[in-house]
Amino acid sequence: MDNYFARLNQINVGDRIEKKGEFSYLSWPYAVAQLRLADPEASWEVRRFDGLPYLRTETGYFVEVAVTVQGVTLSQIHPVLDSKNRPIEAPTAFEINSSIQRCLVKAIALHGLGLYVYAGEDLPDGAEAPKPTATPISGQRAITPAELRYLKHLITEAKSSEQTILDFFSLDRLEDLPMKEFDRALKALRRAA
């Protein structure tokens, strides 16, 4: 079975990352184009709340977008934020639309495309995002921090252990898993789950 996540995750989006202030992001037209090239039948839906494309709460406004790729639907909830990533008290239609587009890109990232762009964005103020690991001996790039978190999640789901993976691939650290072995590890863990 084809692992679409691994395929989308291998697309290098580095030269397509844009900056707005201190924040990095992937443009929604590029993300949609790459998604549709990988799966022409991929689709997305802006979730509605009482008919509106946003949810108003005591803590702010939120939007939600669900993206379906090869029958797998993953949803992302995103707050309506200003250019400094602060909640907007009374957003305009344009600000809500902009948040929907950002949410769409993040929902696509849940399927693998550009996921590493968002690694570390959920860290507390002052904390630094983990640095990418060095290239392992095999010459292939090591997995990204986001891929590492996903792998650890699957290890837990499969009731396996990191040591089992380390022993199988003759590694000292899980971070050194070559990208070419990532898909193989995912398949084995999914079978075990």
N, C-alpha and C. Protein backbone atom coordinates (compact mmCIF):
# COMPACT_ATOMS: atom_id res chain seq x y z
N MET A 1 0.84 -1.19 0.00
CA MET A 1 0.00 0.00 0.00
C MET A 1 0.89 1.25 0.00
N ASP A 2 0.51 2.22 -0.79
CA ASP A 2 1.25 3.47 -0.92
C ASP A 2 1.10 4.30 0.34
N ASN A 3 2.20 4.82 0.87
CA ASN A 3 2.15 5.69 2.03
C ASN A 3 2.18 7.13 1.53
N TYR A 4 0.99 7.70 1.35
CA TYR A 4 0.91 9.06 0.81
C TYR A 4 1.56 10.06 1.76
N PHE A 5 1.48 9.83 3.09
CA PHE A 5 2.08 10.75 4.05
C PHE A 5 3.59 10.86 3.79
N ALA A 6 4.25 9.73 3.66
CA ALA A 6 5.70 9.74 3.43
C ALA A 6 6.03 10.44 2.10
N ARG A 7 5.19 10.20 1.09
CA ARG A 7 5.43 10.81 -0.22
C ARG A 7 5.27 12.33 -0.13
N LEU A 8 4.20 12.81 0.51
CA LEU A 8 4.00 14.25 0.65
C LEU A 8 5.06 14.87 1.55
N ASN A 9 5.47 14.14 2.58
CA ASN A 9 6.44 14.66 3.52
C ASN A 9 7.82 14.80 2.91
N GLN A 10 8.09 14.07 1.83
CA GLN A 10 9.40 14.15 1.17
C GLN A 10 9.50 15.35 0.22
N ILE A 11 8.40 16.01 -0.07
CA ILE A 11 8.44 17.17 -0.96
C ILE A 11 9.14 18.31 -0.23
N ASN A 12 10.20 18.81 -0.82
CA ASN A 12 10.95 19.91 -0.23
C ASN A 12 10.23 21.22 -0.53
N VAL A 13 9.70 21.84 0.51
CA VAL A 13 8.97 23.10 0.32
C VAL A 13 9.82 24.29 0.76
N GLY A 14 11.08 24.03 1.10
CA GLY A 14 11.96 25.06 1.64
C GLY A 14 12.05 26.31 0.79
N ASP A 15 12.09 26.16 -0.52
CA ASP A 15 12.21 27.34 -1.37
C ASP A 15 10.86 28.03 -1.60
N ARG A 16 9.80 27.49 -1.04
CA ARG A 16 8.46 28.08 -1.19
C ARG A 16 7.96 28.69 0.11
N ILE A 17 8.76 28.64 1.16
CA ILE A 17 8.36 29.21 2.45
C ILE A 17 8.46 30.72 2.37
N GLU A 18 7.41 31.38 2.80
CA GLU A 18 7.38 32.84 2.82
C GLU A 18 7.41 33.30 4.26
N LYS A 19 7.82 34.55 4.47
CA LYS A 19 7.90 35.12 5.81
C LYS A 19 6.90 36.27 5.91
N LYS A 20 6.25 36.35 7.05
CA LYS A 20 5.41 37.49 7.39
C LYS A 20 5.82 37.88 8.79
N GLY A 21 6.59 38.96 8.90
CA GLY A 21 7.18 39.30 10.19
C GLY A 21 8.17 38.23 10.57
N GLU A 22 8.02 37.70 11.78
CA GLU A 22 8.94 36.66 12.24
C GLU A 22 8.42 35.25 11.98
N PHE A 23 7.26 35.13 11.30
CA PHE A 23 6.63 33.83 11.12
C PHE A 23 6.80 33.31 9.70
N SER A 24 7.04 32.02 9.59
CA SER A 24 7.19 31.35 8.30
C SER A 24 5.88 30.67 7.94
N TYR A 25 5.57 30.68 6.67
CA TYR A 25 4.37 29.98 6.23
C TYR A 25 4.51 29.55 4.78
N LEU A 26 3.66 28.64 4.39
CA LEU A 26 3.59 28.13 3.03
C LEU A 26 2.35 28.73 2.39
N SER A 27 2.46 29.26 1.20
CA SER A 27 1.30 29.88 0.56
C SER A 27 0.24 28.83 0.23
N TRP A 28 -1.01 29.21 0.38
CA TRP A 28 -2.08 28.24 0.15
C TRP A 28 -2.16 27.79 -1.31
N PRO A 29 -1.93 28.65 -2.33
CA PRO A 29 -2.00 28.13 -3.71
C PRO A 29 -0.95 27.05 -3.98
N TYR A 30 0.25 27.24 -3.44
CA TYR A 30 1.30 26.24 -3.63
C TYR A 30 0.92 24.93 -2.94
N ALA A 31 0.46 25.03 -1.68
CA ALA A 31 0.09 23.83 -0.93
C ALA A 31 -1.03 23.07 -1.63
N VAL A 32 -2.04 23.78 -2.11
CA VAL A 32 -3.15 23.13 -2.81
C VAL A 32 -2.66 22.48 -4.10
N ALA A 33 -1.80 23.17 -4.84
CA ALA A 33 -1.28 22.62 -6.10
C ALA A 33 -0.50 21.33 -5.84
N GLN A 34 0.37 21.33 -4.85
CA GLN A 34 1.15 20.12 -4.54
C GLN A 34 0.25 18.98 -4.07
N LEU A 35 -0.76 19.33 -3.27
CA LEU A 35 -1.70 18.31 -2.80
C LEU A 35 -2.44 17.68 -3.97
N ARG A 36 -2.93 18.51 -4.88
CA ARG A 36 -3.72 17.99 -6.01
C ARG A 36 -2.85 17.23 -7.01
N LEU A 37 -1.56 17.60 -7.10
CA LEU A 37 -0.65 16.82 -7.94
C LEU A 37 -0.44 15.43 -7.35
N ALA A 38 -0.38 15.36 -6.02
CA ALA A 38 -0.17 14.07 -5.35
C ALA A 38 -1.45 13.24 -5.34
N ASP A 39 -2.60 13.89 -5.22
CA ASP A 39 -3.89 13.19 -5.19
C ASP A 39 -4.94 14.08 -5.83
N PRO A 40 -5.21 13.88 -7.12
CA PRO A 40 -6.18 14.73 -7.82
C PRO A 40 -7.58 14.69 -7.21
N GLU A 41 -7.87 13.68 -6.42
CA GLU A 41 -9.20 13.58 -5.81
C GLU A 41 -9.22 14.13 -4.39
N ALA A 42 -8.12 14.69 -3.91
CA ALA A 42 -8.09 15.29 -2.57
C ALA A 42 -9.14 16.39 -2.50
N SER A 43 -9.73 16.55 -1.33
CA SER A 43 -10.76 17.58 -1.16
C SER A 43 -10.64 18.21 0.22
N TRP A 44 -11.31 19.33 0.40
CA TRP A 44 -11.31 19.99 1.69
C TRP A 44 -12.66 20.65 1.91
N GLU A 45 -12.93 20.91 3.17
CA GLU A 45 -14.20 21.51 3.56
C GLU A 45 -13.95 22.50 4.69
N VAL A 46 -14.50 23.69 4.54
CA VAL A 46 -14.49 24.66 5.63
C VAL A 46 -15.67 24.29 6.51
N ARG A 47 -15.40 23.96 7.76
CA ARG A 47 -16.47 23.56 8.68
C ARG A 47 -17.31 24.78 9.04
N ARG A 48 -18.58 24.54 9.25
CA ARG A 48 -19.54 25.60 9.58
C ARG A 48 -20.01 25.45 11.02
N PHE A 49 -20.28 26.58 11.63
CA PHE A 49 -20.81 26.65 12.98
C PHE A 49 -22.08 27.50 12.93
N ASP A 50 -23.22 26.84 13.06
CA ASP A 50 -24.51 27.53 12.89
C ASP A 50 -24.56 28.27 11.56
N GLY A 51 -24.02 27.65 10.51
CA GLY A 51 -24.04 28.23 9.17
C GLY A 51 -22.90 29.19 8.87
N LEU A 52 -22.11 29.55 9.87
CA LEU A 52 -21.02 30.52 9.68
C LEU A 52 -19.68 29.79 9.55
N PRO A 53 -18.74 30.36 8.76
CA PRO A 53 -17.44 29.70 8.58
C PRO A 53 -16.47 29.99 9.73
N TYR A 54 -16.97 30.38 10.87
CA TYR A 54 -16.13 30.64 12.04
C TYR A 54 -16.93 30.37 13.30
N LEU A 55 -16.20 30.18 14.39
CA LEU A 55 -16.80 29.95 15.70
C LEU A 55 -16.35 31.08 16.61
N ARG A 56 -17.30 31.74 17.25
CA ARG A 56 -16.97 32.80 18.20
C ARG A 56 -17.06 32.22 19.60
N THR A 57 -15.98 32.39 20.37
CA THR A 57 -15.95 31.90 21.75
C THR A 57 -15.53 33.04 22.67
N GLU A 58 -15.51 32.77 23.95
CA GLU A 58 -15.05 33.77 24.92
C GLU A 58 -13.57 34.09 24.74
N THR A 59 -12.83 33.15 24.18
CA THR A 59 -11.39 33.37 24.02
C THR A 59 -11.00 33.87 22.64
N GLY A 60 -11.94 33.98 21.72
CA GLY A 60 -11.65 34.48 20.38
C GLY A 60 -12.43 33.75 19.31
N TYR A 61 -12.07 34.04 18.06
CA TYR A 61 -12.71 33.43 16.90
C TYR A 61 -11.83 32.30 16.38
N PHE A 62 -12.48 31.24 15.87
CA PHE A 62 -11.76 30.10 15.33
C PHE A 62 -12.37 29.67 14.01
N VAL A 63 -11.54 29.07 13.15
CA VAL A 63 -12.01 28.47 11.91
C VAL A 63 -11.52 27.02 11.91
N GLU A 64 -12.17 26.19 11.11
CA GLU A 64 -11.76 24.79 11.01
C GLU A 64 -11.86 24.34 9.56
N VAL A 65 -10.84 23.64 9.11
CA VAL A 65 -10.82 23.08 7.76
C VAL A 65 -10.46 21.61 7.86
N ALA A 66 -11.20 20.78 7.14
CA ALA A 66 -10.92 19.35 7.07
C ALA A 66 -10.45 19.02 5.67
N VAL A 67 -9.34 18.30 5.56
CA VAL A 67 -8.77 17.91 4.27
C VAL A 67 -8.80 16.38 4.18
N THR A 68 -9.28 15.89 3.04
CA THR A 68 -9.34 14.45 2.80
C THR A 68 -8.37 14.08 1.69
N VAL A 69 -7.48 13.14 1.99
CA VAL A 69 -6.51 12.63 1.04
C VAL A 69 -6.59 11.11 1.09
N GLN A 70 -6.83 10.51 -0.05
CA GLN A 70 -6.94 9.05 -0.18
C GLN A 70 -7.83 8.45 0.91
N GLY A 71 -8.96 9.11 1.13
CA GLY A 71 -9.96 8.61 2.07
C GLY A 71 -9.70 8.91 3.53
N VAL A 72 -8.57 9.56 3.84
CA VAL A 72 -8.25 9.92 5.22
C VAL A 72 -8.56 11.40 5.42
N THR A 73 -9.45 11.70 6.37
CA THR A 73 -9.82 13.09 6.65
C THR A 73 -9.16 13.53 7.94
N LEU A 74 -8.43 14.63 7.87
CA LEU A 74 -7.80 15.23 9.04
C LEU A 74 -8.23 16.69 9.12
N SER A 75 -8.52 17.13 10.32
CA SER A 75 -9.08 18.46 10.54
C SER A 75 -8.12 19.31 11.35
N GLN A 76 -8.08 20.60 11.02
CA GLN A 76 -7.25 21.57 11.74
C GLN A 76 -8.14 22.71 12.21
N ILE A 77 -7.99 23.10 13.47
CA ILE A 77 -8.68 24.26 14.01
C ILE A 77 -7.65 25.36 14.15
N HIS A 78 -8.01 26.57 13.74
CA HIS A 78 -7.04 27.67 13.73
C HIS A 78 -7.70 28.93 14.27
N PRO A 79 -7.05 29.63 15.20
CA PRO A 79 -7.62 30.89 15.69
C PRO A 79 -7.47 31.99 14.63
N VAL A 80 -8.35 32.95 14.68
CA VAL A 80 -8.25 34.12 13.80
C VAL A 80 -7.27 35.07 14.48
N LEU A 81 -6.10 35.25 13.83
CA LEU A 81 -5.00 36.00 14.43
C LEU A 81 -4.58 37.18 13.56
N ASP A 82 -3.94 38.16 14.19
CA ASP A 82 -3.37 39.27 13.44
C ASP A 82 -1.97 38.90 12.97
N SER A 83 -1.25 39.84 12.38
CA SER A 83 0.07 39.56 11.81
C SER A 83 1.13 39.25 12.88
N LYS A 84 0.80 39.49 14.15
CA LYS A 84 1.72 39.17 15.24
C LYS A 84 1.26 37.94 16.01
N ASN A 85 0.36 37.17 15.39
CA ASN A 85 -0.20 35.95 15.97
C ASN A 85 -0.94 36.20 17.28
N ARG A 86 -1.65 37.32 17.34
CA ARG A 86 -2.50 37.63 18.48
C ARG A 86 -3.96 37.52 18.04
N PRO A 87 -4.84 37.03 18.93
CA PRO A 87 -6.26 36.93 18.57
C PRO A 87 -6.85 38.29 18.22
N ILE A 88 -7.73 38.28 17.21
CA ILE A 88 -8.43 39.50 16.80
C ILE A 88 -9.80 39.51 17.46
N GLU A 89 -10.11 40.60 18.17
CA GLU A 89 -11.38 40.67 18.92
C GLU A 89 -12.60 40.74 18.02
N ALA A 90 -12.51 41.49 16.93
CA ALA A 90 -13.64 41.64 16.02
C ALA A 90 -13.12 41.55 14.58
N PRO A 91 -12.86 40.32 14.10
CA PRO A 91 -12.24 40.17 12.77
C PRO A 91 -13.16 40.58 11.63
N THR A 92 -12.53 41.05 10.56
CA THR A 92 -13.25 41.38 9.33
C THR A 92 -13.39 40.11 8.50
N ALA A 93 -14.19 40.19 7.45
CA ALA A 93 -14.35 39.04 6.55
C ALA A 93 -13.00 38.67 5.94
N PHE A 94 -12.18 39.65 5.62
CA PHE A 94 -10.86 39.38 5.05
C PHE A 94 -9.99 38.62 6.05
N GLU A 95 -9.99 39.03 7.32
CA GLU A 95 -9.18 38.36 8.34
C GLU A 95 -9.65 36.92 8.57
N ILE A 96 -10.96 36.72 8.53
CA ILE A 96 -11.49 35.36 8.67
C ILE A 96 -11.07 34.52 7.47
N ASN A 97 -11.18 35.09 6.26
CA ASN A 97 -10.76 34.37 5.06
C ASN A 97 -9.27 34.03 5.11
N SER A 98 -8.45 34.96 5.54
CA SER A 98 -7.00 34.70 5.65
C SER A 98 -6.74 33.56 6.63
N SER A 99 -7.47 33.53 7.74
CA SER A 99 -7.29 32.45 8.71
C SER A 99 -7.75 31.11 8.14
N ILE A 100 -8.79 31.13 7.34
CA ILE A 100 -9.25 29.90 6.69
C ILE A 100 -8.15 29.36 5.77
N GLN A 101 -7.50 30.26 5.00
CA GLN A 101 -6.44 29.82 4.09
C GLN A 101 -5.25 29.26 4.87
N ARG A 102 -4.87 29.90 6.00
CA ARG A 102 -3.78 29.40 6.85
C ARG A 102 -4.17 28.04 7.43
N CYS A 103 -5.43 27.93 7.82
CA CYS A 103 -5.92 26.67 8.39
C CYS A 103 -5.90 25.56 7.33
N LEU A 104 -6.26 25.90 6.10
CA LEU A 104 -6.21 24.93 5.00
C LEU A 104 -4.80 24.39 4.82
N VAL A 105 -3.82 25.28 4.82
CA VAL A 105 -2.42 24.86 4.64
C VAL A 105 -1.99 23.96 5.79
N LYS A 106 -2.39 24.30 7.00
CA LYS A 106 -2.02 23.45 8.15
C LYS A 106 -2.73 22.11 8.10
N ALA A 107 -3.96 22.09 7.62
CA ALA A 107 -4.67 20.81 7.49
C ALA A 107 -4.00 19.95 6.42
N ILE A 108 -3.53 20.57 5.35
CA ILE A 108 -2.77 19.84 4.33
C ILE A 108 -1.48 19.32 4.95
N ALA A 109 -0.83 20.12 5.79
CA ALA A 109 0.42 19.71 6.43
C ALA A 109 0.22 18.48 7.31
N LEU A 110 -0.97 18.32 7.89
CA LEU A 110 -1.24 17.13 8.70
C LEU A 110 -1.11 15.86 7.86
N HIS A 111 -1.26 16.00 6.55
CA HIS A 111 -1.11 14.87 5.63
C HIS A 111 0.34 14.72 5.15
N GLY A 112 1.24 15.61 5.62
CA GLY A 112 2.65 15.45 5.32
C GLY A 112 3.31 16.61 4.60
N LEU A 113 2.59 17.33 3.76
CA LEU A 113 3.20 18.39 2.95
C LEU A 113 3.58 19.59 3.81
N GLY A 114 4.88 19.81 3.96
CA GLY A 114 5.36 20.98 4.69
C GLY A 114 5.14 20.91 6.19
N LEU A 115 4.91 19.74 6.72
CA LEU A 115 4.65 19.62 8.16
C LEU A 115 5.81 20.18 8.98
N TYR A 116 7.02 19.98 8.49
CA TYR A 116 8.19 20.45 9.24
C TYR A 116 8.24 21.96 9.37
N VAL A 117 7.53 22.70 8.51
CA VAL A 117 7.50 24.16 8.61
C VAL A 117 6.96 24.59 9.97
N TYR A 118 6.05 23.79 10.51
CA TYR A 118 5.37 24.15 11.75
C TYR A 118 6.00 23.51 12.99
N ALA A 119 7.07 22.77 12.82
CA ALA A 119 7.74 22.13 13.97
C ALA A 119 8.21 23.21 14.93
N GLY A 120 7.84 23.07 16.18
CA GLY A 120 8.28 24.00 17.20
C GLY A 120 7.38 25.19 17.41
N GLU A 121 6.35 25.38 16.56
CA GLU A 121 5.52 26.57 16.74
C GLU A 121 4.65 26.48 17.99
N ASP A 122 4.51 25.30 18.55
CA ASP A 122 3.71 25.14 19.75
C ASP A 122 4.56 25.17 21.02
N LEU A 123 5.82 25.59 20.89
CA LEU A 123 6.70 25.67 22.05
C LEU A 123 6.35 26.90 22.88
N PRO A 124 6.60 26.85 24.18
CA PRO A 124 6.36 28.03 25.02
C PRO A 124 7.25 29.18 24.59
N ASP A 125 6.84 30.41 24.94
CA ASP A 125 7.63 31.60 24.60
C ASP A 125 9.06 31.43 25.12
N GLY A 126 10.03 31.78 24.29
CA GLY A 126 11.42 31.72 24.67
C GLY A 126 12.10 30.39 24.36
N ALA A 127 11.33 29.34 24.14
CA ALA A 127 11.92 28.03 23.82
C ALA A 127 12.28 27.99 22.35
N GLU A 128 13.31 27.24 22.02
CA GLU A 128 13.73 27.12 20.63
C GLU A 128 13.23 25.82 20.02
N ALA A 129 12.91 25.88 18.73
CA ALA A 129 12.50 24.67 18.02
C ALA A 129 13.69 23.74 17.90
N PRO A 130 13.43 22.42 17.90
CA PRO A 130 14.54 21.49 17.74
C PRO A 130 15.22 21.68 16.39
N LYS A 131 16.53 21.55 16.38
CA LYS A 131 17.30 21.68 15.13
C LYS A 131 17.23 20.37 14.37
N PRO A 132 17.20 20.44 13.03
CA PRO A 132 17.22 19.19 12.26
C PRO A 132 18.49 18.40 12.59
N THR A 133 18.36 17.10 12.55
CA THR A 133 19.49 16.25 12.88
C THR A 133 20.49 16.21 11.73
N ALA A 134 21.69 15.79 12.05
CA ALA A 134 22.73 15.68 11.03
C ALA A 134 22.40 14.56 10.05
N THR A 135 23.01 14.62 8.90
CA THR A 135 22.80 13.56 7.92
C THR A 135 23.43 12.28 8.42
N PRO A 136 22.67 11.19 8.47
CA PRO A 136 23.25 9.94 8.96
C PRO A 136 24.30 9.40 8.01
N ILE A 137 24.99 8.39 8.47
CA ILE A 137 26.10 7.79 7.72
C ILE A 137 25.68 7.35 6.33
N SER A 138 24.42 6.93 6.17
CA SER A 138 23.98 6.41 4.88
C SER A 138 23.98 7.46 3.77
N GLY A 139 24.12 8.75 4.14
CA GLY A 139 24.11 9.80 3.13
C GLY A 139 22.72 10.38 2.91
N GLN A 140 21.69 9.73 3.41
CA GLN A 140 20.32 10.23 3.30
C GLN A 140 20.07 11.20 4.44
N ARG A 141 19.17 12.13 4.24
CA ARG A 141 18.83 13.03 5.34
C ARG A 141 18.09 12.25 6.41
N ALA A 142 18.28 12.67 7.65
CA ALA A 142 17.57 12.05 8.76
C ALA A 142 16.13 12.59 8.77
N ILE A 143 15.29 11.94 9.52
CA ILE A 143 13.90 12.39 9.61
C ILE A 143 13.85 13.75 10.31
N THR A 144 12.80 14.50 10.02
CA THR A 144 12.61 15.81 10.61
C THR A 144 12.05 15.67 12.02
N PRO A 145 12.06 16.73 12.81
CA PRO A 145 11.46 16.68 14.14
C PRO A 145 9.97 16.29 14.09
N ALA A 146 9.25 16.77 13.10
CA ALA A 146 7.83 16.41 12.98
C ALA A 146 7.67 14.92 12.67
N GLU A 147 8.52 14.40 11.79
CA GLU A 147 8.47 12.98 11.47
C GLU A 147 8.85 12.14 12.70
N LEU A 148 9.79 12.63 13.48
CA LEU A 148 10.19 11.94 14.70
C LEU A 148 9.01 11.85 15.67
N ARG A 149 8.29 12.96 15.85
CA ARG A 149 7.13 12.95 16.75
C ARG A 149 6.08 11.97 16.25
N TYR A 150 5.86 11.94 14.94
CA TYR A 150 4.87 11.02 14.37
C TYR A 150 5.31 9.57 14.58
N LEU A 151 6.58 9.31 14.39
CA LEU A 151 7.11 7.96 14.59
C LEU A 151 6.94 7.54 16.05
N LYS A 152 7.23 8.42 16.99
CA LYS A 152 7.06 8.12 18.40
C LYS A 152 5.59 7.85 18.73
N HIS A 153 4.71 8.61 18.10
CA HIS A 153 3.27 8.39 18.29
C HIS A 153 2.89 6.98 17.83
N LEU A 154 3.37 6.57 16.67
CA LEU A 154 3.06 5.24 16.17
C LEU A 154 3.68 4.14 17.03
N ILE A 155 4.87 4.39 17.57
CA ILE A 155 5.49 3.42 18.47
C ILE A 155 4.59 3.18 19.68
N THR A 156 4.05 4.26 20.23
CA THR A 156 3.15 4.15 21.38
C THR A 156 1.88 3.41 20.99
N GLU A 157 1.28 3.78 19.84
CA GLU A 157 0.05 3.12 19.38
C GLU A 157 0.26 1.63 19.17
N ALA A 158 1.42 1.26 18.66
CA ALA A 158 1.71 -0.15 18.38
C ALA A 158 2.16 -0.91 19.63
N LYS A 159 2.22 -0.19 20.75
CA LYS A 159 2.70 -0.78 22.01
C LYS A 159 4.08 -1.40 21.82
N SER A 160 4.91 -0.69 21.08
CA SER A 160 6.27 -1.11 20.82
C SER A 160 7.19 -0.26 21.68
N SER A 161 8.47 -0.25 21.37
CA SER A 161 9.41 0.59 22.10
C SER A 161 10.40 1.21 21.13
N GLU A 162 10.95 2.34 21.54
CA GLU A 162 11.98 2.98 20.72
C GLU A 162 13.18 2.06 20.56
N GLN A 163 13.49 1.32 21.62
CA GLN A 163 14.66 0.44 21.57
C GLN A 163 14.50 -0.63 20.49
N THR A 164 13.28 -1.12 20.29
CA THR A 164 13.03 -2.12 19.25
C THR A 164 13.40 -1.54 17.88
N ILE A 165 12.98 -0.30 17.63
CA ILE A 165 13.28 0.36 16.35
C ILE A 165 14.78 0.60 16.24
N LEU A 166 15.40 1.08 17.31
CA LEU A 166 16.84 1.34 17.30
C LEU A 166 17.62 0.07 16.99
N ASP A 167 17.23 -1.02 17.64
CA ASP A 167 17.92 -2.30 17.40
C ASP A 167 17.72 -2.78 15.97
N PHE A 168 16.49 -2.67 15.47
CA PHE A 168 16.18 -3.16 14.13
C PHE A 168 17.00 -2.42 13.06
N PHE A 169 17.14 -1.09 13.22
CA PHE A 169 17.85 -0.30 12.22
C PHE A 169 19.30 -0.03 12.61
N SER A 170 19.78 -0.65 13.68
CA SER A 170 21.16 -0.48 14.17
C SER A 170 21.50 1.00 14.37
N LEU A 171 20.67 1.66 15.17
CA LEU A 171 20.86 3.09 15.44
C LEU A 171 21.11 3.32 16.92
N ASP A 172 21.77 4.44 17.22
CA ASP A 172 21.94 4.86 18.61
C ASP A 172 20.81 5.80 19.04
N ARG A 173 20.33 6.58 18.07
CA ARG A 173 19.28 7.56 18.35
C ARG A 173 18.19 7.46 17.28
N LEU A 174 16.95 7.59 17.69
CA LEU A 174 15.84 7.54 16.74
C LEU A 174 15.93 8.69 15.73
N GLU A 175 16.49 9.82 16.16
CA GLU A 175 16.64 11.00 15.29
C GLU A 175 17.51 10.71 14.07
N ASP A 176 18.33 9.67 14.13
CA ASP A 176 19.24 9.35 13.03
C ASP A 176 18.63 8.40 12.00
N LEU A 177 17.36 8.06 12.17
CA LEU A 177 16.71 7.17 11.20
C LEU A 177 16.75 7.83 9.82
N PRO A 178 17.34 7.17 8.83
CA PRO A 178 17.38 7.76 7.48
C PRO A 178 15.97 7.85 6.89
N MET A 179 15.74 8.89 6.12
CA MET A 179 14.43 9.08 5.51
C MET A 179 14.02 7.86 4.69
N LYS A 180 14.99 7.23 4.04
CA LYS A 180 14.65 6.07 3.19
C LYS A 180 14.11 4.91 4.02
N GLU A 181 14.39 4.87 5.33
CA GLU A 181 13.89 3.82 6.20
C GLU A 181 12.61 4.22 6.95
N PHE A 182 12.28 5.51 6.89
CA PHE A 182 11.11 6.03 7.61
C PHE A 182 9.83 5.31 7.19
N ASP A 183 9.61 5.19 5.90
CA ASP A 183 8.40 4.53 5.38
C ASP A 183 8.34 3.08 5.84
N ARG A 184 9.47 2.42 5.81
CA ARG A 184 9.54 1.01 6.25
C ARG A 184 9.17 0.88 7.73
N ALA A 185 9.67 1.80 8.55
CA ALA A 185 9.35 1.78 9.98
C ALA A 185 7.86 2.04 10.19
N LEU A 186 7.30 2.99 9.44
CA LEU A 186 5.87 3.29 9.57
C LEU A 186 5.02 2.08 9.22
N LYS A 187 5.36 1.41 8.14
CA LYS A 187 4.59 0.22 7.72
C LYS A 187 4.62 -0.86 8.79
N ALA A 188 5.80 -1.10 9.35
CA ALA A 188 5.93 -2.14 10.37
C ALA A 188 5.12 -1.77 11.62
N LEU A 189 5.17 -0.51 12.02
CA LEU A 189 4.43 -0.08 13.20
C LEU A 189 2.92 -0.13 12.97
N ARG A 190 2.49 0.21 11.77
CA ARG A 190 1.04 0.15 11.47
C ARG A 190 0.54 -1.29 11.48
N ARG A 191 1.36 -2.20 10.99
CA ARG A 191 0.98 -3.62 11.02
C ARG A 191 0.85 -4.12 12.45
N ALA A 192 1.74 -3.63 13.32
CA ALA A 192 1.75 -4.08 14.71
C ALA A 192 0.62 -3.46 15.54
N ALA A 193 0.13 -2.30 15.08
CA ALA A 193 -0.92 -1.61 15.88
C ALA A 193 -2.25 -2.33 15.83
